[in-house]
């Protein structure tokens, strides 16, 4: 009976409630006005989830499942500011700071910073001399070369000749009567002894429609094996004008190539050294496979060229309608 009276006395004067309130304040648990107990605190995620290497630096707590999940965008926390102070500056969260400092941040760099530059090539660059001797000139269909003592000796021309050697003739040059082997030594009123002088002479008459050329042409070979020369004067006509000669240097050579001719001095006086200056192989030297021809063409003896032997030696013979082959 005495125990019941003591319990009733304690409940009536609120001694138990005060004790509970004091215990709640000392424990630091938050309370809600009008409530007799602390607000329940959500369960903390397991510590192992934060230690996962794949989730470090960009994680958050899912409000639905209550578990740690990767977040798709950085978290920004804004601190409330008094009115009238403008838009508050965003504050980076700890998760965003960890993301920037994590090793995976290196994959966010531009691709140009991640790719290592290509190692320099072991092949030296092409060597292009600052000045080279001219090798040939082209003008109105003629192809000419510099005249040298070496060529004079090979062609058995007499000594003392000066000019440029005509190596090939087409177009207007052929119409003018120029032939391969001629030595041009005068264009209009200007004497010509080198390719440089030949280009300057054609430059002087480039706007004219015609000009007289003086050249030396070999005659019949003498008993000593040499050719006598005769002088000719021919008229070169251009359409609509003569224009000027275009010049070239000697062909390109590869590094370490053997000399293709007798010694003529330092190679780089005439040649560029390298690769890519000349189309190889020469398209004129590429053999195209012969076309197929029908049996009837073979029987009739129709050939696109002179007789070079049996057609089947080069061509594939197509069977005719009767299925016969020659």
C-alpha atoms as a PDB file:
ATOM      1  CA  UNK A   1       0.000   0.000   0.000  1.00  0.00           C
ATOM      2  CA  UNK A   2       2.848   2.351   0.792  1.00  0.00           C
ATOM      3  CA  UNK A   3       4.524   1.635  -2.579  1.00  0.00           C
ATOM      4  CA  UNK A   4       1.398   2.547  -4.547  1.00  0.00           C
ATOM      5  CA  UNK A   5       1.129   5.870  -2.725  1.00  0.00           C
ATOM      6  CA  UNK A   6       4.752   6.765  -3.615  1.00  0.00           C
ATOM      7  CA  UNK A   7       4.231   6.015  -7.358  1.00  0.00           C
ATOM      8  CA  UNK A   8       1.044   8.102  -7.409  1.00  0.00           C
ATOM      9  CA  UNK A   9       2.861  10.998  -5.736  1.00  0.00           C
ATOM     10  CA  UNK A  10       5.714  10.964  -8.292  1.00  0.00           C
ATOM     11  CA  UNK A  11       3.377  10.887 -11.311  1.00  0.00           C
ATOM     12  CA  UNK A  12       1.236  13.694  -9.932  1.00  0.00           C
ATOM     13  CA  UNK A  13       4.102  16.191  -9.463  1.00  0.00           C
ATOM     14  CA  UNK A  14       5.972  15.308 -12.830  1.00  0.00           C
ATOM     15  CA  UNK A  15       9.212  14.131 -11.343  1.00  0.00           C
ATOM     16  CA  UNK A  16       9.535  11.359 -14.013  1.00  0.00           C
ATOM     17  CA  UNK A  17       8.924  13.795 -16.915  1.00  0.00           C
ATOM     18  CA  UNK A  18      11.615  16.193 -15.743  1.00  0.00           C
ATOM     19  CA  UNK A  19      14.065  13.378 -15.408  1.00  0.00           C
ATOM     20  CA  UNK A  20      13.317  12.248 -18.972  1.00  0.00           C
ATOM     21  CA  UNK A  21      13.685  15.829 -20.285  1.00  0.00           C
ATOM     22  CA  UNK A  22      17.015  16.223 -18.581  1.00  0.00           C
ATOM     23  CA  UNK A  23      18.172  12.910 -20.004  1.00  0.00           C
ATOM     24  CA  UNK A  24      17.126  14.019 -23.512  1.00  0.00           C
ATOM     25  CA  UNK A  25      19.032  17.307 -23.265  1.00  0.00           C
ATOM     26  CA  UNK A  26      22.152  15.634 -21.976  1.00  0.00           C
ATOM     27  CA  UNK A  27      22.104  13.079 -24.814  1.00  0.00           C
ATOM     28  CA  UNK A  28      21.865  15.805 -27.529  1.00  0.00           C
ATOM     29  CA  UNK A  29      18.804  14.235 -29.233  1.00  0.00           C
ATOM     30  CA  UNK A  30      16.554  16.780 -31.014  1.00  0.00           C
ATOM     31  CA  UNK A  31      13.010  17.340 -29.743  1.00  0.00           C
ATOM     32  CA  UNK A  32       9.876  18.670 -31.368  1.00  0.00           C
ATOM     33  CA  UNK A  33       7.555  21.144 -29.687  1.00  0.00           C
ATOM     34  CA  UNK A  34       4.500  19.436 -28.247  1.00  0.00           C
ATOM     35  CA  UNK A  35       6.160  16.051 -28.287  1.00  0.00           C
ATOM     36  CA  UNK A  36       7.112  14.083 -25.249  1.00  0.00           C
ATOM     37  CA  UNK A  37      10.154  12.392 -26.792  1.00  0.00           C
ATOM     38  CA  UNK A  38      13.086  12.923 -29.195  1.00  0.00           C
ATOM     39  CA  UNK A  39      12.671  12.867 -32.970  1.00  0.00           C
ATOM     40  CA  UNK A  40      13.668   9.472 -34.339  1.00  0.00           C
ATOM     41  CA  UNK A  41      16.997   9.586 -36.166  1.00  0.00           C
ATOM     42  CA  UNK A  42      17.324   7.705 -39.510  1.00  0.00           C
ATOM     43  CA  UNK A  43      19.658   4.750 -39.445  1.00  0.00           C
ATOM     44  CA  UNK A  44      23.183   5.519 -40.570  1.00  0.00           C
ATOM     45  CA  UNK A  45      24.502   3.612 -43.587  1.00  0.00           C
ATOM     46  CA  UNK A  46      27.094   0.972 -42.877  1.00  0.00           C
ATOM     47  CA  UNK A  47      30.656   2.236 -42.744  1.00  0.00           C
ATOM     48  CA  UNK A  48      31.766  -0.333 -45.324  1.00  0.00           C
ATOM     49  CA  UNK A  49      29.734   1.457 -48.018  1.00  0.00           C
ATOM     50  CA  UNK A  50      31.859   4.589 -47.660  1.00  0.00           C
ATOM     51  CA  UNK A  51      35.021   2.561 -47.929  1.00  0.00           C
ATOM     52  CA  UNK A  52      34.185   1.140 -51.381  1.00  0.00           C
ATOM     53  CA  UNK A  53      36.781   2.410 -53.917  1.00  0.00           C
ATOM     54  CA  UNK A  54      34.180   2.656 -56.682  1.00  0.00           C
ATOM     55  CA  UNK A  55      31.913   4.958 -54.649  1.00  0.00           C
ATOM     56  CA  UNK A  56      34.448   7.256 -52.978  1.00  0.00           C
ATOM     57  CA  UNK A  57      34.195  10.903 -53.916  1.00  0.00           C
ATOM     58  CA  UNK A  58      30.696  10.894 -55.455  1.00  0.00           C
ATOM     59  CA  UNK A  59      28.172   9.293 -53.116  1.00  0.00           C
ATOM     60  CA  UNK A  60      24.926  10.189 -51.400  1.00  0.00           C
ATOM     61  CA  UNK A  61      22.117   8.634 -49.411  1.00  0.00           C
ATOM     62  CA  UNK A  62      19.092   7.590 -51.394  1.00  0.00           C
ATOM     63  CA  UNK A  63      15.975   9.118 -49.807  1.00  0.00           C
ATOM     64  CA  UNK A  64      13.920   6.148 -50.969  1.00  0.00           C
ATOM     65  CA  UNK A  65      15.973   3.125 -50.078  1.00  0.00           C
ATOM     66  CA  UNK A  66      18.107   4.646 -47.339  1.00  0.00           C
ATOM     67  CA  UNK A  67      21.260   3.109 -48.859  1.00  0.00           C
ATOM     68  CA  UNK A  68      24.404   4.654 -50.251  1.00  0.00           C
ATOM     69  CA  UNK A  69      24.196   5.145 -54.049  1.00  0.00           C
ATOM     70  CA  UNK A  70      26.351   7.002 -56.598  1.00  0.00           C
ATOM     71  CA  UNK A  71      25.028  10.461 -57.395  1.00  0.00           C
ATOM     72  CA  UNK A  72      24.747  11.620 -60.988  1.00  0.00           C
ATOM     73  CA  UNK A  73      25.794  15.227 -60.352  1.00  0.00           C
ATOM     74  CA  UNK A  74      27.921  17.078 -57.806  1.00  0.00           C
ATOM     75  CA  UNK A  75      26.092  18.216 -54.667  1.00  0.00           C
ATOM     76  CA  UNK A  76      26.046  21.940 -53.960  1.00  0.00           C
ATOM     77  CA  UNK A  77      25.007  23.383 -50.613  1.00  0.00           C
ATOM     78  CA  UNK A  78      23.803  26.970 -50.457  1.00  0.00           C
ATOM     79  CA  UNK A  79      23.941  28.900 -47.207  1.00  0.00           C
ATOM     80  CA  UNK A  80      20.877  31.111 -46.565  1.00  0.00           C
ATOM     81  CA  UNK A  81      21.678  34.794 -46.897  1.00  0.00           C
ATOM     82  CA  UNK A  82      19.736  37.816 -45.661  1.00  0.00           C
ATOM     83  CA  UNK A  83      17.471  39.500 -48.166  1.00  0.00           C
ATOM     84  CA  UNK A  84      19.019  42.206 -50.314  1.00  0.00           C
ATOM     85  CA  UNK A  85      22.531  40.762 -50.433  1.00  0.00           C
ATOM     86  CA  UNK A  86      22.248  39.228 -53.916  1.00  0.00           C
ATOM     87  CA  UNK A  87      22.529  35.630 -55.049  1.00  0.00           C
ATOM     88  CA  UNK A  88      24.596  33.541 -52.628  1.00  0.00           C
ATOM     89  CA  UNK A  89      27.716  31.902 -54.022  1.00  0.00           C
ATOM     90  CA  UNK A  90      27.516  28.101 -54.216  1.00  0.00           C
ATOM     91  CA  UNK A  91      29.611  26.184 -51.725  1.00  0.00           C
ATOM     92  CA  UNK A  92      31.245  22.948 -52.785  1.00  0.00           C
ATOM     93  CA  UNK A  93      30.301  19.947 -50.747  1.00  0.00           C
ATOM     94  CA  UNK A  94      32.754  17.479 -49.324  1.00  0.00           C
ATOM     95  CA  UNK A  95      31.649  14.918 -51.924  1.00  0.00           C
ATOM     96  CA  UNK A  96      32.520  17.285 -54.791  1.00  0.00           C
ATOM     97  CA  UNK A  97      35.898  18.096 -53.261  1.00  0.00           C
ATOM     98  CA  UNK A  98      36.684  14.412 -52.951  1.00  0.00           C
ATOM     99  CA  UNK A  99      35.695  13.897 -56.600  1.00  0.00           C
ATOM    100  CA  UNK A 100      38.194  16.479 -57.826  1.00  0.00           C
ATOM    101  CA  UNK A 101      40.967  15.000 -55.726  1.00  0.00           C
ATOM    102  CA  UNK A 102      40.231  11.378 -56.612  1.00  0.00           C
ATOM    103  CA  UNK A 103      42.342   9.444 -59.171  1.00  0.00           C
ATOM    104  CA  UNK A 104      39.345   9.160 -61.502  1.00  0.00           C
ATOM    105  CA  UNK A 105      39.502  12.927 -62.089  1.00  0.00           C
ATOM    106  CA  UNK A 106      42.337  12.429 -64.582  1.00  0.00           C
ATOM    107  CA  UNK A 107      39.842  10.964 -67.074  1.00  0.00           C
ATOM    108  CA  UNK A 108      38.016  14.297 -67.124  1.00  0.00           C
ATOM    109  CA  UNK A 109      40.999  16.007 -68.833  1.00  0.00           C
ATOM    110  CA  UNK A 110      40.813  16.961 -72.537  1.00  0.00           C
ATOM    111  CA  UNK A 111      41.751  14.168 -74.925  1.00  0.00           C
ATOM    112  CA  UNK A 112      44.632  16.247 -76.322  1.00  0.00           C
ATOM    113  CA  UNK A 113      46.294  16.217 -72.882  1.00  0.00           C
ATOM    114  CA  UNK A 114      45.977  12.464 -72.487  1.00  0.00           C
ATOM    115  CA  UNK A 115      47.440  11.434 -75.880  1.00  0.00           C
ATOM    116  CA  UNK A 116      51.199  11.389 -75.998  1.00  0.00           C
ATOM    117  CA  UNK A 117      52.727  13.107 -79.061  1.00  0.00           C
ATOM    118  CA  UNK A 118      54.042  10.809 -81.761  1.00  0.00           C
ATOM    119  CA  UNK A 119      57.739  10.086 -81.596  1.00  0.00           C
ATOM    120  CA  UNK A 120      59.790  11.934 -84.226  1.00  0.00           C
ATOM    121  CA  UNK A 121      60.475   9.944 -87.364  1.00  0.00           C
ATOM    122  CA  UNK A 122      63.883   8.404 -87.879  1.00  0.00           C
ATOM    123  CA  UNK A 123      63.764   9.373 -91.560  1.00  0.00           C
ATOM    124  CA  UNK A 124      65.488  12.738 -92.150  1.00  0.00           C
ATOM    125  CA  UNK A 125      63.457  15.416 -93.951  1.00  0.00           C
ATOM    126  CA  UNK A 126      63.896  16.019 -97.657  1.00  0.00           C
ATOM    127  CA  UNK A 127      66.945  18.113 -98.506  1.00  0.00           C
ATOM    128  CA  UNK A 128      66.101  20.979-100.834  1.00  0.00           C
ATOM    129  CA  UNK A 129      69.142  23.065-101.826  1.00  0.00           C
ATOM    130  CA  UNK A 130      68.691  26.825-101.782  1.00  0.00           C
ATOM    131  CA  UNK A 131      69.972  27.057-105.350  1.00  0.00           C
ATOM    132  CA  UNK A 132      70.388  24.363-107.998  1.00  0.00           C
ATOM    133  CA  UNK A 133      71.539  24.336-111.581  1.00  0.00           C
ATOM    134  CA  UNK A 134      68.768  24.170-114.158  1.00  0.00           C
ATOM    135  CA  UNK A 135      68.414  20.859-115.941  1.00  0.00           C
ATOM    136  CA  UNK A 136      65.763  21.358-118.626  1.00  0.00           C
ATOM    137  CA  UNK A 137      63.331  23.876-120.096  1.00  0.00           C
ATOM    138  CA  UNK A 138      59.946  23.526-121.820  1.00  0.00           C
ATOM    139  CA  UNK A 139      58.549  25.998-124.327  1.00  0.00           C
ATOM    140  CA  UNK A 140      55.860  25.687-126.994  1.00  0.00           C
ATOM    141  CA  UNK A 141      56.156  21.904-127.132  1.00  0.00           C
ATOM    142  CA  UNK A 142      59.946  21.537-127.094  1.00  0.00           C
ATOM    143  CA  UNK A 143      61.910  19.898-124.307  1.00  0.00           C
ATOM    144  CA  UNK A 144      65.478  21.210-124.076  1.00  0.00           C
ATOM    145  CA  UNK A 145      68.503  20.430-121.911  1.00  0.00           C
ATOM    146  CA  UNK A 146      71.625  22.280-120.909  1.00  0.00           C
ATOM    147  CA  UNK A 147      74.415  21.719-123.430  1.00  0.00           C
ATOM    148  CA  UNK A 148      77.576  20.298-121.837  1.00  0.00           C
ATOM    149  CA  UNK A 149      80.916  18.902-122.980  1.00  0.00           C
ATOM    150  CA  UNK A 150      79.770  15.495-121.770  1.00  0.00           C
ATOM    151  CA  UNK A 151      76.781  15.539-124.145  1.00  0.00           C
ATOM    152  CA  UNK A 152      78.906  16.885-126.984  1.00  0.00           C
ATOM    153  CA  UNK A 153      81.291  13.952-126.619  1.00  0.00           C
ATOM    154  CA  UNK A 154      78.476  11.392-126.500  1.00  0.00           C
ATOM    155  CA  UNK A 155      76.685  12.815-129.560  1.00  0.00           C
ATOM    156  CA  UNK A 156      79.922  13.361-131.551  1.00  0.00           C
ATOM    157  CA  UNK A 157      79.096  17.023-132.182  1.00  0.00           C
ATOM    158  CA  UNK A 158      81.958  19.362-133.137  1.00  0.00           C
ATOM    159  CA  UNK A 159      83.710  21.380-130.472  1.00  0.00           C
ATOM    160  CA  UNK A 160      82.894  25.027-129.920  1.00  0.00           C
ATOM    161  CA  UNK A 161      79.078  24.705-130.111  1.00  0.00           C
ATOM    162  CA  UNK A 162      77.066  26.796-127.671  1.00  0.00           C
ATOM    163  CA  UNK A 163      73.347  26.806-126.988  1.00  0.00           C
ATOM    164  CA  UNK A 164      70.775  24.401-125.567  1.00  0.00           C
ATOM    165  CA  UNK A 165      70.047  20.871-126.795  1.00  0.00           C
ATOM    166  CA  UNK A 166      66.545  19.999-128.013  1.00  0.00           C
ATOM    167  CA  UNK A 167      65.641  16.571-126.646  1.00  0.00           C
ATOM    168  CA  UNK A 168      61.967  16.212-127.645  1.00  0.00           C
ATOM    169  CA  UNK A 169      59.572  18.100-129.913  1.00  0.00           C
ATOM    170  CA  UNK A 170      55.748  18.316-129.939  1.00  0.00           C
ATOM    171  CA  UNK A 171      52.974  20.873-130.639  1.00  0.00           C
ATOM    172  CA  UNK A 172      54.041  24.267-132.053  1.00  0.00           C
ATOM    173  CA  UNK A 173      57.733  23.419-131.954  1.00  0.00           C
ATOM    174  CA  UNK A 174      57.096  20.483-134.290  1.00  0.00           C
ATOM    175  CA  UNK A 175      55.020  22.701-136.593  1.00  0.00           C
ATOM    176  CA  UNK A 176      57.904  25.177-136.725  1.00  0.00           C
ATOM    177  CA  UNK A 177      60.203  22.435-138.062  1.00  0.00           C
ATOM    178  CA  UNK A 178      62.405  21.954-135.011  1.00  0.00           C
ATOM    179  CA  UNK A 179      63.841  18.442-134.586  1.00  0.00           C
ATOM    180  CA  UNK A 180      65.301  16.547-131.662  1.00  0.00           C
ATOM    181  CA  UNK A 181      69.075  17.027-131.645  1.00  0.00           C
ATOM    182  CA  UNK A 182      68.987  20.669-132.759  1.00  0.00           C
ATOM    183  CA  UNK A 183      71.076  23.212-130.847  1.00  0.00           C
ATOM    184  CA  UNK A 184      69.212  26.511-130.307  1.00  0.00           C
ATOM    185  CA  UNK A 185      71.659  29.391-129.896  1.00  0.00           C
ATOM    186  CA  UNK A 186      69.527  32.463-130.609  1.00  0.00           C
ATOM    187  CA  UNK A 187      65.950  33.599-129.861  1.00  0.00           C
ATOM    188  CA  UNK A 188      65.038  36.797-131.679  1.00  0.00           C
ATOM    189  CA  UNK A 189      67.957  39.176-131.132  1.00  0.00           C
ATOM    190  CA  UNK A 190      69.236  37.492-127.957  1.00  0.00           C
ATOM    191  CA  UNK A 191      72.000  34.876-128.029  1.00  0.00           C
ATOM    192  CA  UNK A 192      71.404  31.779-125.940  1.00  0.00           C
ATOM    193  CA  UNK A 193      74.157  29.694-124.321  1.00  0.00           C
ATOM    194  CA  UNK A 194      72.468  28.438-121.118  1.00  0.00           C
ATOM    195  CA  UNK A 195      68.988  27.547-119.910  1.00  0.00           C
ATOM    196  CA  UNK A 196      68.919  30.722-117.825  1.00  0.00           C
ATOM    197  CA  UNK A 197      69.598  32.811-120.935  1.00  0.00           C
ATOM    198  CA  UNK A 198      67.005  30.820-122.886  1.00  0.00           C
ATOM    199  CA  UNK A 199      64.349  31.579-120.279  1.00  0.00           C
ATOM    200  CA  UNK A 200      65.227  35.285-120.289  1.00  0.00           C
ATOM    201  CA  UNK A 201      65.105  35.368-124.102  1.00  0.00           C
ATOM    202  CA  UNK A 202      61.636  33.806-124.163  1.00  0.00           C
ATOM    203  CA  UNK A 203      60.515  36.171-121.404  1.00  0.00           C
ATOM    204  CA  UNK A 204      61.403  39.114-123.662  1.00  0.00           C
ATOM    205  CA  UNK A 205      59.159  37.819-126.482  1.00  0.00           C
ATOM    206  CA  UNK A 206      56.414  36.252-124.375  1.00  0.00           C
ATOM    207  CA  UNK A 207      53.721  38.671-125.592  1.00  0.00           C
ATOM    208  CA  UNK A 208      54.619  38.276-129.275  1.00  0.00           C
ATOM    209  CA  UNK A 209      52.824  35.915-131.639  1.00  0.00           C
ATOM    210  CA  UNK A 210      55.986  34.698-133.395  1.00  0.00           C
ATOM    211  CA  UNK A 211      59.773  34.928-133.221  1.00  0.00           C
ATOM    212  CA  UNK A 212      62.698  33.755-135.326  1.00  0.00           C
ATOM    213  CA  UNK A 213      65.028  31.094-133.912  1.00  0.00           C
ATOM    214  CA  UNK A 214      68.563  30.331-134.996  1.00  0.00           C
ATOM    215  CA  UNK A 215      69.728  26.778-134.487  1.00  0.00           C
ATOM    216  CA  UNK A 216      72.407  24.320-135.504  1.00  0.00           C
ATOM    217  CA  UNK A 217      71.354  20.988-136.988  1.00  0.00           C
ATOM    218  CA  UNK A 218      73.639  17.969-137.473  1.00  0.00           C
ATOM    219  CA  UNK A 219      74.110  16.730-141.028  1.00  0.00           C
ATOM    220  CA  UNK A 220      75.334  13.388-142.295  1.00  0.00           C
ATOM    221  CA  UNK A 221      77.961  11.688-140.219  1.00  0.00           C
ATOM    222  CA  UNK A 222      81.523  12.061-141.508  1.00  0.00           C
ATOM    223  CA  UNK A 223      84.124   9.337-141.778  1.00  0.00           C
ATOM    224  CA  UNK A 224      85.575  10.318-138.419  1.00  0.00           C
ATOM    225  CA  UNK A 225      82.157   9.657-136.862  1.00  0.00           C
ATOM    226  CA  UNK A 226      81.322  13.300-136.237  1.00  0.00           C
ATOM    227  CA  UNK A 227      78.439  15.357-137.565  1.00  0.00           C
ATOM    228  CA  UNK A 228      78.794  18.592-139.516  1.00  0.00           C
ATOM    229  CA  UNK A 229      76.427  21.338-138.380  1.00  0.00           C
ATOM    230  CA  UNK A 230      74.343  23.623-140.550  1.00  0.00           C
ATOM    231  CA  UNK A 231      72.619  26.817-139.529  1.00  0.00           C
ATOM    232  CA  UNK A 232      68.820  27.150-139.798  1.00  0.00           C
ATOM    233  CA  UNK A 233      66.419  29.966-139.074  1.00  0.00           C
ATOM    234  CA  UNK A 234      62.893  28.926-138.183  1.00  0.00           C
ATOM    235  CA  UNK A 235      59.861  30.862-136.983  1.00  0.00           C
ATOM    236  CA  UNK A 236      58.113  29.799-133.801  1.00  0.00           C
ATOM    237  CA  UNK A 237      54.431  30.775-133.656  1.00  0.00           C
ATOM    238  CA  UNK A 238      52.316  30.812-130.505  1.00  0.00           C
ATOM    239  CA  UNK A 239      48.563  30.771-130.039  1.00  0.00           C
ATOM    240  CA  UNK A 240      47.616  33.343-128.927  1.00  0.00           C
ATOM    241  CA  UNK A 241      51.153  34.329-127.863  1.00  0.00           C
ATOM    242  CA  UNK A 242      54.539  32.711-127.272  1.00  0.00           C
ATOM    243  CA  UNK A 243      54.707  32.868-123.506  1.00  0.00           C
ATOM    244  CA  UNK A 244      57.933  32.130-121.659  1.00  0.00           C
ATOM    245  CA  UNK A 245      59.879  28.931-121.068  1.00  0.00           C
ATOM    246  CA  UNK A 246      59.362  26.982-117.854  1.00  0.00           C
ATOM    247  CA  UNK A 247      62.470  25.464-116.284  1.00  0.00           C
ATOM    248  CA  UNK A 248      63.135  22.488-114.008  1.00  0.00           C
ATOM    249  CA  UNK A 249      65.965  21.106-111.949  1.00  0.00           C
ATOM    250  CA  UNK A 250      67.430  17.619-112.170  1.00  0.00           C
ATOM    251  CA  UNK A 251      65.293  14.688-110.969  1.00  0.00           C
ATOM    252  CA  UNK A 252      65.128  13.884-107.270  1.00  0.00           C
ATOM    253  CA  UNK A 253      67.430  11.192-105.890  1.00  0.00           C
ATOM    254  CA  UNK A 254      67.033   9.045-102.781  1.00  0.00           C
ATOM    255  CA  UNK A 255      69.559   9.240 -99.946  1.00  0.00           C
ATOM    256  CA  UNK A 256      72.420   6.848-100.673  1.00  0.00           C
ATOM    257  CA  UNK A 257      71.478   6.284-104.322  1.00  0.00           C
ATOM    258  CA  UNK A 258      74.350   5.403-106.671  1.00  0.00           C
ATOM    259  CA  UNK A 259      75.276   8.143-109.126  1.00  0.00           C
ATOM    260  CA  UNK A 260      73.257   7.589-112.355  1.00  0.00           C
ATOM    261  CA  UNK A 261      75.805   9.413-114.515  1.00  0.00           C
ATOM    262  CA  UNK A 262      79.519  10.272-114.630  1.00  0.00           C
ATOM    263  CA  UNK A 263      80.848  12.588-111.972  1.00  0.00           C
ATOM    264  CA  UNK A 264      79.512  16.123-112.451  1.00  0.00           C
ATOM    265  CA  UNK A 265      80.411  17.639-109.121  1.00  0.00           C
ATOM    266  CA  UNK A 266      78.485  17.744-105.862  1.00  0.00           C
ATOM    267  CA  UNK A 267      75.098  16.019-106.213  1.00  0.00           C
ATOM    268  CA  UNK A 268      73.196  18.772-104.392  1.00  0.00           C
ATOM    269  CA  UNK A 269      74.318  21.295-107.019  1.00  0.00           C
ATOM    270  CA  UNK A 270      71.627  19.789-109.259  1.00  0.00           C
ATOM    271  CA  UNK A 271      69.468  17.342-107.290  1.00  0.00           C
ATOM    272  CA  UNK A 272      67.103  17.467-104.366  1.00  0.00           C
ATOM    273  CA  UNK A 273      67.582  14.537-101.983  1.00  0.00           C
ATOM    274  CA  UNK A 274      64.560  12.832-100.469  1.00  0.00           C
ATOM    275  CA  UNK A 275      61.315  11.087-101.273  1.00  0.00           C
ATOM    276  CA  UNK A 276      57.914  12.165-102.587  1.00  0.00           C
ATOM    277  CA  UNK A 277      59.027  14.568-105.356  1.00  0.00           C
ATOM    278  CA  UNK A 278      58.440  12.098-108.180  1.00  0.00           C
ATOM    279  CA  UNK A 279      55.597   9.707-108.941  1.00  0.00           C
ATOM    280  CA  UNK A 280      56.860   6.149-108.798  1.00  0.00           C
ATOM    281  CA  UNK A 281      56.502   4.070-110.811  1.00  0.00           C
ATOM    282  CA  UNK A 282      56.262   6.253-113.879  1.00  0.00           C
ATOM    283  CA  UNK A 283      52.704   5.864-115.249  1.00  0.00           C
ATOM    284  CA  UNK A 284      54.146   5.606-118.775  1.00  0.00           C
ATOM    285  CA  UNK A 285      56.056   2.489-117.729  1.00  0.00           C
ATOM    286  CA  UNK A 286      53.110   0.729-116.059  1.00  0.00           C
ATOM    287  CA  UNK A 287      51.893  -2.232-118.131  1.00  0.00           C
ATOM    288  CA  UNK A 288      48.116  -2.528-118.353  1.00  0.00           C
ATOM    289  CA  UNK A 289      46.812  -6.106-118.749  1.00  0.00           C
ATOM    290  CA  UNK A 290      45.654  -6.753-122.346  1.00  0.00           C
ATOM    291  CA  UNK A 291      41.852  -6.778-122.753  1.00  0.00           C
ATOM    292  CA  UNK A 292      39.847  -9.934-123.376  1.00  0.00           C
ATOM    293  CA  UNK A 293      38.992 -10.519-127.044  1.00  0.00           C
ATOM    294  CA  UNK A 294      36.271 -12.716-128.585  1.00  0.00           C
ATOM    295  CA  UNK A 295      36.989 -15.758-130.725  1.00  0.00           C
ATOM    296  CA  UNK A 296      35.417 -14.141-133.792  1.00  0.00           C
ATOM    297  CA  UNK A 297      37.950 -11.304-133.654  1.00  0.00           C
ATOM    298  CA  UNK A 298      40.824 -13.784-133.615  1.00  0.00           C
ATOM    299  CA  UNK A 299      39.410 -15.739-136.574  1.00  0.00           C
ATOM    300  CA  UNK A 300      39.023 -12.581-138.655  1.00  0.00           C
ATOM    301  CA  UNK A 301      42.593 -11.580-137.870  1.00  0.00           C
ATOM    302  CA  UNK A 302      41.561  -8.186-136.482  1.00  0.00           C
ATOM    303  CA  UNK A 303      44.365  -6.821-134.297  1.00  0.00           C
ATOM    304  CA  UNK A 304      44.712  -3.456-132.514  1.00  0.00           C
ATOM    305  CA  UNK A 305      48.472  -3.633-133.148  1.00  0.00           C
ATOM    306  CA  UNK A 306      51.053  -5.308-135.338  1.00  0.00           C
ATOM    307  CA  UNK A 307      51.551  -9.050-135.295  1.00  0.00           C
ATOM    308  CA  UNK A 308      53.274  -9.962-132.046  1.00  0.00           C
ATOM    309  CA  UNK A 309      52.556 -13.681-132.119  1.00  0.00           C
ATOM    310  CA  UNK A 310      49.549 -15.812-131.146  1.00  0.00           C
ATOM    311  CA  UNK A 311      46.775 -13.761-129.526  1.00  0.00           C
ATOM    312  CA  UNK A 312      46.409 -16.232-126.655  1.00  0.00           C
ATOM    313  CA  UNK A 313      49.990 -15.478-125.630  1.00  0.00           C
ATOM    314  CA  UNK A 314      48.780 -12.193-124.104  1.00  0.00           C
ATOM    315  CA  UNK A 315      44.974 -12.115-124.290  1.00  0.00           C
ATOM    316  CA  UNK A 316      42.202 -14.193-122.774  1.00  0.00           C
ATOM    317  CA  UNK A 317      40.063 -15.521-125.637  1.00  0.00           C
ATOM    318  CA  UNK A 318      36.330 -15.393-124.934  1.00  0.00           C
ATOM    319  CA  UNK A 319      34.296 -18.341-126.223  1.00  0.00           C
ATOM    320  CA  UNK A 320      31.760 -17.584-128.923  1.00  0.00           C
ATOM    321  CA  UNK A 321      28.131 -18.689-128.862  1.00  0.00           C
ATOM    322  CA  UNK A 322      29.042 -22.161-130.142  1.00  0.00           C
ATOM    323  CA  UNK A 323      31.570 -22.616-127.368  1.00  0.00           C
ATOM    324  CA  UNK A 324      34.541 -22.894-129.665  1.00  0.00           C
ATOM    325  CA  UNK A 325      38.037 -21.622-129.098  1.00  0.00           C
ATOM    326  CA  UNK A 326      40.748 -21.162-131.721  1.00  0.00           C
END
